Amino acid sequence: MVTHTAMNPDQRFRQEDLVTIEIEALKKIFEDRPLKSIITLSCKCSGCGNDLLIDITHTLGGFGFNGGFLVEYAPDKYFVNCRDCYDLNKKASKV
């Protein structure tokens, strides 16, 4: 289990296994917590399976992510990648 001591339990939701992220779900999370400016996602990289903590902020243009990358695989559905796996995918897509 990944822990982060500076985080309140209500500021965090957990993604136990590889699950996709949907933009509508993120919108709902922020709607349900209107006073929270940052939500922390505890999840696993879809490429290597390493644990990630990703801070998500709601911005005027959508969402900001710190600690990981989203890779769209279908309209409004994303996998989470660490920097290494994101860079590998980026290189592979250029071939």
PDB file of N, CA and C in Angstrom:
ATOM      1  N   MET A   1       0.838  -1.182   0.000  1.00  0.00           N
ATOM      2  CA  MET A   1       0.000   0.000   0.000  1.00  0.00           C
ATOM      3  C   MET A   1       0.877   1.237   0.000  1.00  0.00           C
ATOM      4  N   VAL A   2       0.537   2.201  -0.805  1.00  0.00           N
ATOM      5  CA  VAL A   2       1.264   3.455  -0.862  1.00  0.00           C
ATOM      6  C   VAL A   2       0.669   4.394   0.167  1.00  0.00           C
ATOM      7  N   THR A   3       1.507   5.029   0.956  1.00  0.00           N
ATOM      8  CA  THR A   3       1.012   5.976   1.938  1.00  0.00           C
ATOM      9  C   THR A   3       1.633   7.338   1.698  1.00  0.00           C
ATOM     10  N   HIS A   4       0.941   8.349   2.136  1.00  0.00           N
ATOM     11  CA  HIS A   4       1.429   9.718   2.011  1.00  0.00           C
ATOM     12  C   HIS A   4       0.954  10.439   3.262  1.00  0.00           C
ATOM     13  N   THR A   5       1.865  10.760   4.172  1.00  0.00           N
ATOM     14  CA  THR A   5       1.465  11.247   5.491  1.00  0.00           C
ATOM     15  C   THR A   5       0.860  12.641   5.482  1.00  0.00           C
ATOM     16  N   ALA A   6       1.144  13.459   4.483  1.00  0.00           N
ATOM     17  CA  ALA A   6       0.629  14.824   4.464  1.00  0.00           C
ATOM     18  C   ALA A   6      -0.765  14.912   3.859  1.00  0.00           C
ATOM     19  N   MET A   7      -1.402  13.789   3.646  1.00  0.00           N
ATOM     20  CA  MET A   7      -2.672  13.750   2.937  1.00  0.00           C
ATOM     21  C   MET A   7      -3.805  13.330   3.873  1.00  0.00           C
ATOM     22  N   ASN A   8      -4.915  14.023   3.806  1.00  0.00           N
ATOM     23  CA  ASN A   8      -6.121  13.610   4.509  1.00  0.00           C
ATOM     24  C   ASN A   8      -6.766  12.457   3.754  1.00  0.00           C
ATOM     25  N   PRO A   9      -7.418  11.519   4.440  1.00  0.00           N
ATOM     26  CA  PRO A   9      -8.099  10.428   3.731  1.00  0.00           C
ATOM     27  C   PRO A   9      -9.154  10.912   2.751  1.00  0.00           C
ATOM     28  N   ASP A  10      -9.819  12.038   3.037  1.00  0.00           N
ATOM     29  CA  ASP A  10     -10.854  12.515   2.128  1.00  0.00           C
ATOM     30  C   ASP A  10     -10.288  13.229   0.906  1.00  0.00           C
ATOM     31  N   GLN A  11      -8.971  13.442   0.856  1.00  0.00           N
ATOM     32  CA  GLN A  11      -8.335  14.061  -0.294  1.00  0.00           C
ATOM     33  C   GLN A  11      -7.815  13.016  -1.265  1.00  0.00           C
ATOM     34  N   ARG A  12      -8.067  11.763  -0.983  1.00  0.00           N
ATOM     35  CA  ARG A  12      -7.424  10.691  -1.731  1.00  0.00           C
ATOM     36  C   ARG A  12      -8.431   9.615  -2.086  1.00  0.00           C
ATOM     37  N   PHE A  13      -8.329   9.094  -3.262  1.00  0.00           N
ATOM     38  CA  PHE A  13      -9.087   7.901  -3.601  1.00  0.00           C
ATOM     39  C   PHE A  13      -8.096   6.896  -4.161  1.00  0.00           C
ATOM     40  N   ARG A  14      -8.410   5.628  -4.041  1.00  0.00           N
ATOM     41  CA  ARG A  14      -7.448   4.585  -4.387  1.00  0.00           C
ATOM     42  C   ARG A  14      -7.918   3.800  -5.594  1.00  0.00           C
ATOM     43  N   GLN A  15      -6.981   3.521  -6.447  1.00  0.00           N
ATOM     44  CA  GLN A  15      -7.220   2.691  -7.607  1.00  0.00           C
ATOM     45  C   GLN A  15      -6.411   1.420  -7.364  1.00  0.00           C
ATOM     46  N   GLU A  16      -7.047   0.361  -6.878  1.00  0.00           N
ATOM     47  CA  GLU A  16      -6.343  -0.841  -6.430  1.00  0.00           C
ATOM     48  C   GLU A  16      -5.567  -1.530  -7.542  1.00  0.00           C
ATOM     49  N   ASP A  17      -6.185  -1.773  -8.648  1.00  0.00           N
ATOM     50  CA  ASP A  17      -5.554  -2.456  -9.756  1.00  0.00           C
ATOM     51  C   ASP A  17      -5.603  -1.541 -10.969  1.00  0.00           C
ATOM     52  N   LEU A  18      -5.119  -2.021 -12.064  1.00  0.00           N
ATOM     53  CA  LEU A  18      -5.151  -1.235 -13.287  1.00  0.00           C
ATOM     54  C   LEU A  18      -6.592  -1.009 -13.701  1.00  0.00           C
ATOM     55  N   VAL A  19      -6.996   0.217 -13.625  1.00  0.00           N
ATOM     56  CA  VAL A  19      -8.335   0.634 -14.006  1.00  0.00           C
ATOM     57  C   VAL A  19      -8.154   1.884 -14.853  1.00  0.00           C
ATOM     58  N   THR A  20      -9.068   2.130 -15.720  1.00  0.00           N
ATOM     59  CA  THR A  20      -8.957   3.316 -16.549  1.00  0.00           C
ATOM     60  C   THR A  20      -9.522   4.533 -15.818  1.00  0.00           C
ATOM     61  N   ILE A  21      -9.119   5.699 -16.269  1.00  0.00           N
ATOM     62  CA  ILE A  21      -9.646   6.950 -15.743  1.00  0.00           C
ATOM     63  C   ILE A  21     -10.538   7.555 -16.812  1.00  0.00           C
ATOM     64  N   GLU A  22     -11.708   7.999 -16.404  1.00  0.00           N
ATOM     65  CA  GLU A  22     -12.616   8.668 -17.318  1.00  0.00           C
ATOM     66  C   GLU A  22     -12.778  10.115 -16.866  1.00  0.00           C
ATOM     67  N   ILE A  23     -12.795  11.023 -17.822  1.00  0.00           N
ATOM     68  CA  ILE A  23     -12.886  12.441 -17.525  1.00  0.00           C
ATOM     69  C   ILE A  23     -14.158  12.758 -16.739  1.00  0.00           C
ATOM     70  N   GLU A  24     -15.261  12.129 -17.086  1.00  0.00           N
ATOM     71  CA  GLU A  24     -16.518  12.373 -16.366  1.00  0.00           C
ATOM     72  C   GLU A  24     -16.393  11.981 -14.892  1.00  0.00           C
ATOM     73  N   ALA A  25     -15.648  10.904 -14.613  1.00  0.00           N
ATOM     74  CA  ALA A  25     -15.445  10.483 -13.227  1.00  0.00           C
ATOM     75  C   ALA A  25     -14.628  11.526 -12.466  1.00  0.00           C
ATOM     76  N   LEU A  26     -13.622  12.100 -13.111  1.00  0.00           N
ATOM     77  CA  LEU A  26     -12.830  13.147 -12.463  1.00  0.00           C
ATOM     78  C   LEU A  26     -13.696  14.373 -12.171  1.00  0.00           C
ATOM     79  N   LYS A  27     -14.541  14.744 -13.114  1.00  0.00           N
ATOM     80  CA  LYS A  27     -15.444  15.882 -12.895  1.00  0.00           C
ATOM     81  C   LYS A  27     -16.327  15.628 -11.679  1.00  0.00           C
ATOM     82  N   LYS A  28     -16.848  14.415 -11.570  1.00  0.00           N
ATOM     83  CA  LYS A  28     -17.719  14.050 -10.449  1.00  0.00           C
ATOM     84  C   LYS A  28     -16.967  14.111  -9.126  1.00  0.00           C
ATOM     85  N   ILE A  29     -15.733  13.648  -9.108  1.00  0.00           N
ATOM     86  CA  ILE A  29     -14.929  13.680  -7.883  1.00  0.00           C
ATOM     87  C   ILE A  29     -14.776  15.114  -7.389  1.00  0.00           C
ATOM     88  N   PHE A  30     -14.449  16.033  -8.292  1.00  0.00           N
ATOM     89  CA  PHE A  30     -14.287  17.424  -7.888  1.00  0.00           C
ATOM     90  C   PHE A  30     -15.618  18.080  -7.529  1.00  0.00           C
ATOM     91  N   GLU A  31     -16.695  17.690  -8.182  1.00  0.00           N
ATOM     92  CA  GLU A  31     -18.020  18.206  -7.818  1.00  0.00           C
ATOM     93  C   GLU A  31     -18.402  17.768  -6.411  1.00  0.00           C
ATOM     94  N   ASP A  32     -18.059  16.531  -6.045  1.00  0.00           N
ATOM     95  CA  ASP A  32     -18.384  15.994  -4.727  1.00  0.00           C
ATOM     96  C   ASP A  32     -17.511  16.599  -3.625  1.00  0.00           C
ATOM     97  N   ARG A  33     -16.379  17.197  -4.000  1.00  0.00           N
ATOM     98  CA  ARG A  33     -15.444  17.800  -3.044  1.00  0.00           C
ATOM     99  C   ARG A  33     -15.114  19.229  -3.483  1.00  0.00           C
ATOM    100  N   PRO A  34     -16.089  20.130  -3.468  1.00  0.00           N
ATOM    101  CA  PRO A  34     -15.874  21.467  -4.036  1.00  0.00           C
ATOM    102  C   PRO A  34     -14.809  22.294  -3.324  1.00  0.00           C
ATOM    103  N   LEU A  35     -14.486  21.998  -2.093  1.00  0.00           N
ATOM    104  CA  LEU A  35     -13.482  22.771  -1.368  1.00  0.00           C
ATOM    105  C   LEU A  35     -12.066  22.241  -1.565  1.00  0.00           C
ATOM    106  N   LYS A  36     -11.923  21.117  -2.213  1.00  0.00           N
ATOM    107  CA  LYS A  36     -10.612  20.514  -2.434  1.00  0.00           C
ATOM    108  C   LYS A  36     -10.034  21.032  -3.746  1.00  0.00           C
ATOM    109  N   SER A  37      -8.804  21.533  -3.689  1.00  0.00           N
ATOM    110  CA  SER A  37      -8.181  22.013  -4.918  1.00  0.00           C
ATOM    111  C   SER A  37      -7.279  20.946  -5.531  1.00  0.00           C
ATOM    112  N   ILE A  38      -6.868  19.963  -4.710  1.00  0.00           N
ATOM    113  CA  ILE A  38      -6.015  18.878  -5.205  1.00  0.00           C
ATOM    114  C   ILE A  38      -6.561  17.551  -4.687  1.00  0.00           C
ATOM    115  N   ILE A  39      -6.716  16.604  -5.584  1.00  0.00           N
ATOM    116  CA  ILE A  39      -7.078  15.231  -5.228  1.00  0.00           C
ATOM    117  C   ILE A  39      -5.870  14.367  -5.586  1.00  0.00           C
ATOM    118  N   THR A  40      -5.499  13.454  -4.700  1.00  0.00           N
ATOM    119  CA  THR A  40      -4.362  12.586  -4.971  1.00  0.00           C
ATOM    120  C   THR A  40      -4.853  11.184  -5.310  1.00  0.00           C
ATOM    121  N   LEU A  41      -4.413  10.701  -6.452  1.00  0.00           N
ATOM    122  CA  LEU A  41      -4.751   9.363  -6.933  1.00  0.00           C
ATOM    123  C   LEU A  41      -3.597   8.430  -6.618  1.00  0.00           C
ATOM    124  N   SER A  42      -3.880   7.364  -5.917  1.00  0.00           N
ATOM    125  CA  SER A  42      -2.908   6.326  -5.641  1.00  0.00           C
ATOM    126  C   SER A  42      -3.219   5.173  -6.585  1.00  0.00           C
ATOM    127  N   CYS A  43      -2.303   4.871  -7.504  1.00  0.00           N
ATOM    128  CA  CYS A  43      -2.599   3.881  -8.537  1.00  0.00           C
ATOM    129  C   CYS A  43      -1.326   3.182  -8.991  1.00  0.00           C
ATOM    130  N   LYS A  44      -1.472   2.346  -9.983  1.00  0.00           N
ATOM    131  CA  LYS A  44      -0.342   1.634 -10.571  1.00  0.00           C
ATOM    132  C   LYS A  44      -0.189   2.045 -12.027  1.00  0.00           C
ATOM    133  N   CYS A  45       1.055   2.111 -12.482  1.00  0.00           N
ATOM    134  CA  CYS A  45       1.340   2.404 -13.880  1.00  0.00           C
ATOM    135  C   CYS A  45       0.798   1.261 -14.734  1.00  0.00           C
ATOM    136  N   SER A  46       0.131   1.609 -15.828  1.00  0.00           N
ATOM    137  CA  SER A  46      -0.418   0.576 -16.707  1.00  0.00           C
ATOM    138  C   SER A  46       0.670  -0.135 -17.492  1.00  0.00           C
ATOM    139  N   GLY A  47       1.871   0.442 -17.554  1.00  0.00           N
ATOM    140  CA  GLY A  47       2.967  -0.184 -18.288  1.00  0.00           C
ATOM    141  C   GLY A  47       3.767  -1.154 -17.436  1.00  0.00           C
ATOM    142  N   CYS A  48       4.317  -0.648 -16.320  1.00  0.00           N
ATOM    143  CA  CYS A  48       5.235  -1.455 -15.508  1.00  0.00           C
ATOM    144  C   CYS A  48       4.636  -1.927 -14.191  1.00  0.00           C
ATOM    145  N   GLY A  49       3.506  -1.368 -13.791  1.00  0.00           N
ATOM    146  CA  GLY A  49       2.869  -1.778 -12.542  1.00  0.00           C
ATOM    147  C   GLY A  49       3.406  -1.106 -11.300  1.00  0.00           C
ATOM    148  N   ASN A  50       4.352  -0.170 -11.430  1.00  0.00           N
ATOM    149  CA  ASN A  50       4.881   0.534 -10.265  1.00  0.00           C
ATOM    150  C   ASN A  50       3.812   1.423  -9.645  1.00  0.00           C
ATOM    151  N   ASP A  51       3.891   1.593  -8.322  1.00  0.00           N
ATOM    152  CA  ASP A  51       2.965   2.459  -7.612  1.00  0.00           C
ATOM    153  C   ASP A  51       3.220   3.917  -7.973  1.00  0.00           C
ATOM    154  N   LEU A  52       2.133   4.665  -8.128  1.00  0.00           N
ATOM    155  CA  LEU A  52       2.221   6.089  -8.440  1.00  0.00           C
ATOM    156  C   LEU A  52       1.303   6.868  -7.507  1.00  0.00           C
ATOM    157  N   LEU A  53       1.707   8.072  -7.170  1.00  0.00           N
ATOM    158  CA  LEU A  53       0.844   9.043  -6.513  1.00  0.00           C
ATOM    159  C   LEU A  53       0.741  10.214  -7.465  1.00  0.00           C
ATOM    160  N   ILE A  54      -0.458  10.509  -7.916  1.00  0.00           N
ATOM    161  CA  ILE A  54      -0.653  11.577  -8.885  1.00  0.00           C
ATOM    162  C   ILE A  54      -1.574  12.627  -8.272  1.00  0.00           C
ATOM    163  N   ASP A  55      -1.080  13.867  -8.223  1.00  0.00           N
ATOM    164  CA  ASP A  55      -1.900  14.981  -7.764  1.00  0.00           C
ATOM    165  C   ASP A  55      -2.680  15.519  -8.956  1.00  0.00           C
ATOM    166  N   ILE A  56      -3.993  15.632  -8.787  1.00  0.00           N
ATOM    167  CA  ILE A  56      -4.872  16.104  -9.858  1.00  0.00           C
ATOM    168  C   ILE A  56      -5.510  17.412  -9.411  1.00  0.00           C
ATOM    169  N   THR A  57      -5.413  18.417 -10.257  1.00  0.00           N
ATOM    170  CA  THR A  57      -6.070  19.693  -9.999  1.00  0.00           C
ATOM    171  C   THR A  57      -7.097  19.949 -11.090  1.00  0.00           C
ATOM    172  N   HIS A  58      -8.171  20.622 -10.709  1.00  0.00           N
ATOM    173  CA  HIS A  58      -9.193  20.991 -11.681  1.00  0.00           C
ATOM    174  C   HIS A  58      -8.854  22.387 -12.168  1.00  0.00           C
ATOM    175  N   THR A  59      -8.651  22.541 -13.476  1.00  0.00           N
ATOM    176  CA  THR A  59      -8.291  23.828 -14.065  1.00  0.00           C
ATOM    177  C   THR A  59      -9.423  24.328 -14.953  1.00  0.00           C
ATOM    178  N   LEU A  60      -9.315  25.555 -15.392  1.00  0.00           N
ATOM    179  CA  LEU A  60     -10.340  26.099 -16.290  1.00  0.00           C
ATOM    180  C   LEU A  60     -10.418  25.314 -17.600  1.00  0.00           C
ATOM    181  N   GLY A  61      -9.266  24.806 -18.071  1.00  0.00           N
ATOM    182  CA  GLY A  61      -9.239  24.076 -19.330  1.00  0.00           C
ATOM    183  C   GLY A  61      -9.403  22.579 -19.191  1.00  0.00           C
ATOM    184  N   GLY A  62      -9.571  22.063 -17.985  1.00  0.00           N
ATOM    185  CA  GLY A  62      -9.707  20.616 -17.785  1.00  0.00           C
ATOM    186  C   GLY A  62      -9.079  20.189 -16.476  1.00  0.00           C
ATOM    187  N   PHE A  63      -7.974  19.410 -16.561  1.00  0.00           N
ATOM    188  CA  PHE A  63      -7.324  18.890 -15.375  1.00  0.00           C
ATOM    189  C   PHE A  63      -5.818  18.974 -15.524  1.00  0.00           C
ATOM    190  N   GLY A  64      -5.135  19.183 -14.399  1.00  0.00           N
ATOM    191  CA  GLY A  64      -3.684  19.159 -14.372  1.00  0.00           C
ATOM    192  C   GLY A  64      -3.220  17.957 -13.577  1.00  0.00           C
ATOM    193  N   PHE A  65      -2.136  17.328 -14.031  1.00  0.00           N
ATOM    194  CA  PHE A  65      -1.614  16.117 -13.391  1.00  0.00           C
ATOM    195  C   PHE A  65      -0.152  16.310 -13.040  1.00  0.00           C
ATOM    196  N   ASN A  66       0.224  15.907 -11.828  1.00  0.00           N
ATOM    197  CA  ASN A  66       1.611  15.941 -11.398  1.00  0.00           C
ATOM    198  C   ASN A  66       1.952  14.582 -10.803  1.00  0.00           C
ATOM    199  N   GLY A  67       2.930  13.896 -11.384  1.00  0.00           N
ATOM    200  CA  GLY A  67       3.336  12.597 -10.868  1.00  0.00           C
ATOM    201  C   GLY A  67       3.052  11.442 -11.806  1.00  0.00           C
ATOM    202  N   GLY A  68       2.449  11.721 -12.947  1.00  0.00           N
ATOM    203  CA  GLY A  68       2.145  10.676 -13.909  1.00  0.00           C
ATOM    204  C   GLY A  68       1.541  11.268 -15.164  1.00  0.00           C
ATOM    205  N   PHE A  69       1.314  10.427 -16.133  1.00  0.00           N
ATOM    206  CA  PHE A  69       0.781  10.847 -17.423  1.00  0.00           C
ATOM    207  C   PHE A  69      -0.448  10.035 -17.754  1.00  0.00           C
ATOM    208  N   LEU A  70      -1.380  10.654 -18.454  1.00  0.00           N
ATOM    209  CA  LEU A  70      -2.543   9.944 -18.954  1.00  0.00           C
ATOM    210  C   LEU A  70      -2.346   9.678 -20.437  1.00  0.00           C
ATOM    211  N   VAL A  71      -2.643   8.458 -20.852  1.00  0.00           N
ATOM    212  CA  VAL A  71      -2.540   8.067 -22.252  1.00  0.00           C
ATOM    213  C   VAL A  71      -3.938   7.665 -22.708  1.00  0.00           C
ATOM    214  N   GLU A  72      -4.500   8.411 -23.647  1.00  0.00           N
ATOM    215  CA  GLU A  72      -5.858   8.139 -24.111  1.00  0.00           C
ATOM    216  C   GLU A  72      -5.865   6.891 -24.993  1.00  0.00           C
ATOM    217  N   TYR A  73      -6.754   5.947 -24.686  1.00  0.00           N
ATOM    218  CA  TYR A  73      -6.875   4.743 -25.504  1.00  0.00           C
ATOM    219  C   TYR A  73      -8.246   4.659 -26.174  1.00  0.00           C
ATOM    220  N   ALA A  74      -9.188   5.484 -25.709  1.00  0.00           N
ATOM    221  CA  ALA A  74     -10.524   5.596 -26.305  1.00  0.00           C
ATOM    222  C   ALA A  74     -11.028   6.993 -25.941  1.00  0.00           C
ATOM    223  N   PRO A  75     -12.058   7.482 -26.617  1.00  0.00           N
ATOM    224  CA  PRO A  75     -12.542   8.824 -26.280  1.00  0.00           C
ATOM    225  C   PRO A  75     -12.852   8.980 -24.785  1.00  0.00           C
ATOM    226  N   ASP A  76     -12.166   9.930 -24.160  1.00  0.00           N
ATOM    227  CA  ASP A  76     -12.330  10.249 -22.736  1.00  0.00           C
ATOM    228  C   ASP A  76     -11.977   9.116 -21.774  1.00  0.00           C
ATOM    229  N   LYS A  77     -11.193   8.134 -22.219  1.00  0.00           N
ATOM    230  CA  LYS A  77     -10.738   7.046 -21.349  1.00  0.00           C
ATOM    231  C   LYS A  77      -9.221   6.966 -21.442  1.00  0.00           C
ATOM    232  N   TYR A  78      -8.580   6.867 -20.274  1.00  0.00           N
ATOM    233  CA  TYR A  78      -7.131   6.984 -20.202  1.00  0.00           C
ATOM    234  C   TYR A  78      -6.513   5.905 -19.327  1.00  0.00           C
ATOM    235  N   PHE A  79      -5.303   5.489 -19.701  1.00  0.00           N
ATOM    236  CA  PHE A  79      -4.446   4.682 -18.852  1.00  0.00           C
ATOM    237  C   PHE A  79      -3.494   5.635 -18.147  1.00  0.00           C
ATOM    238  N   VAL A  80      -2.968   5.226 -16.995  1.00  0.00           N
ATOM    239  CA  VAL A  80      -1.991   6.007 -16.260  1.00  0.00           C
ATOM    240  C   VAL A  80      -0.606   5.423 -16.529  1.00  0.00           C
ATOM    241  N   ASN A  81       0.356   6.279 -16.825  1.00  0.00           N
ATOM    242  CA  ASN A  81       1.740   5.850 -17.041  1.00  0.00           C
ATOM    243  C   ASN A  81       2.700   6.648 -16.174  1.00  0.00           C
ATOM    244  N   CYS A  82       3.770   5.982 -15.732  1.00  0.00           N
ATOM    245  CA  CYS A  82       4.886   6.680 -15.103  1.00  0.00           C
ATOM    246  C   CYS A  82       5.702   7.348 -16.217  1.00  0.00           C
ATOM    247  N   ARG A  83       6.673   8.158 -15.860  1.00  0.00           N
ATOM    248  CA  ARG A  83       7.469   8.863 -16.867  1.00  0.00           C
ATOM    249  C   ARG A  83       8.200   7.888 -17.791  1.00  0.00           C
ATOM    250  N   ASP A  84       8.809   6.843 -17.240  1.00  0.00           N
ATOM    251  CA  ASP A  84       9.561   5.897 -18.071  1.00  0.00           C
ATOM    252  C   ASP A  84       8.670   5.218 -19.107  1.00  0.00           C
ATOM    253  N   CYS A  85       7.509   4.741 -18.686  1.00  0.00           N
ATOM    254  CA  CYS A  85       6.612   4.059 -19.622  1.00  0.00           C
ATOM    255  C   CYS A  85       6.021   5.045 -20.631  1.00  0.00           C
ATOM    256  N   TYR A  86       5.743   6.262 -20.197  1.00  0.00           N
ATOM    257  CA  TYR A  86       5.239   7.284 -21.111  1.00  0.00           C
ATOM    258  C   TYR A  86       6.276   7.575 -22.195  1.00  0.00           C
ATOM    259  N   ASP A  87       7.540   7.718 -21.786  1.00  0.00           N
ATOM    260  CA  ASP A  87       8.606   7.970 -22.750  1.00  0.00           C
ATOM    261  C   ASP A  87       8.784   6.800 -23.720  1.00  0.00           C
ATOM    262  N   LEU A  88       8.672   5.559 -23.216  1.00  0.00           N
ATOM    263  CA  LEU A  88       8.768   4.383 -24.092  1.00  0.00           C
ATOM    264  C   LEU A  88       7.630   4.358 -25.103  1.00  0.00           C
ATOM    265  N   ASN A  89       6.412   4.642 -24.645  1.00  0.00           N
ATOM    266  CA  ASN A  89       5.261   4.671 -25.550  1.00  0.00           C
ATOM    267  C   ASN A  89       5.408   5.754 -26.592  1.00  0.00           C
ATOM    268  N   LYS A  90       5.928   6.901 -26.178  1.00  0.00           N
ATOM    269  CA  LYS A  90       6.125   8.011 -27.087  1.00  0.00           C
ATOM    270  C   LYS A  90       7.129   7.646 -28.182  1.00  0.00           C
ATOM    271  N   LYS A  91       8.231   6.992 -27.777  1.00  0.00           N
ATOM    272  CA  LYS A  91       9.243   6.550 -28.759  1.00  0.00           C
ATOM    273  C   LYS A  91       8.670   5.506 -29.696  1.00  0.00           C
ATOM    274  N   ALA A  92       7.895   4.562 -29.158  1.00  0.00           N
ATOM    275  CA  ALA A  92       7.332   3.485 -29.969  1.00  0.00           C
ATOM    276  C   ALA A  92       6.318   4.019 -30.972  1.00  0.00           C
ATOM    277  N   SER A  93       5.588   5.067 -30.616  1.00  0.00           N
ATOM    278  CA  SER A  93       4.583   5.604 -31.532  1.00  0.00           C
ATOM    279  C   SER A  93       5.222   6.380 -32.697  1.00  0.00           C
ATOM    280  N   LYS A  94       6.472   6.768 -32.550  1.00  0.00           N
ATOM    281  CA  LYS A  94       7.169   7.486 -33.623  1.00  0.00           C
ATOM    282  C   LYS A  94       7.736   6.550 -34.682  1.00  0.00           C
ATOM    283  N   VAL A  95       7.819   5.260 -34.372  1.00  0.00           N
ATOM    284  CA  VAL A  95       8.412   4.283 -35.293  1.00  0.00           C
ATOM    285  C   VAL A  95       7.468   3.960 -36.409  1.00  0.00           C
TER     286      VAL A  95
END
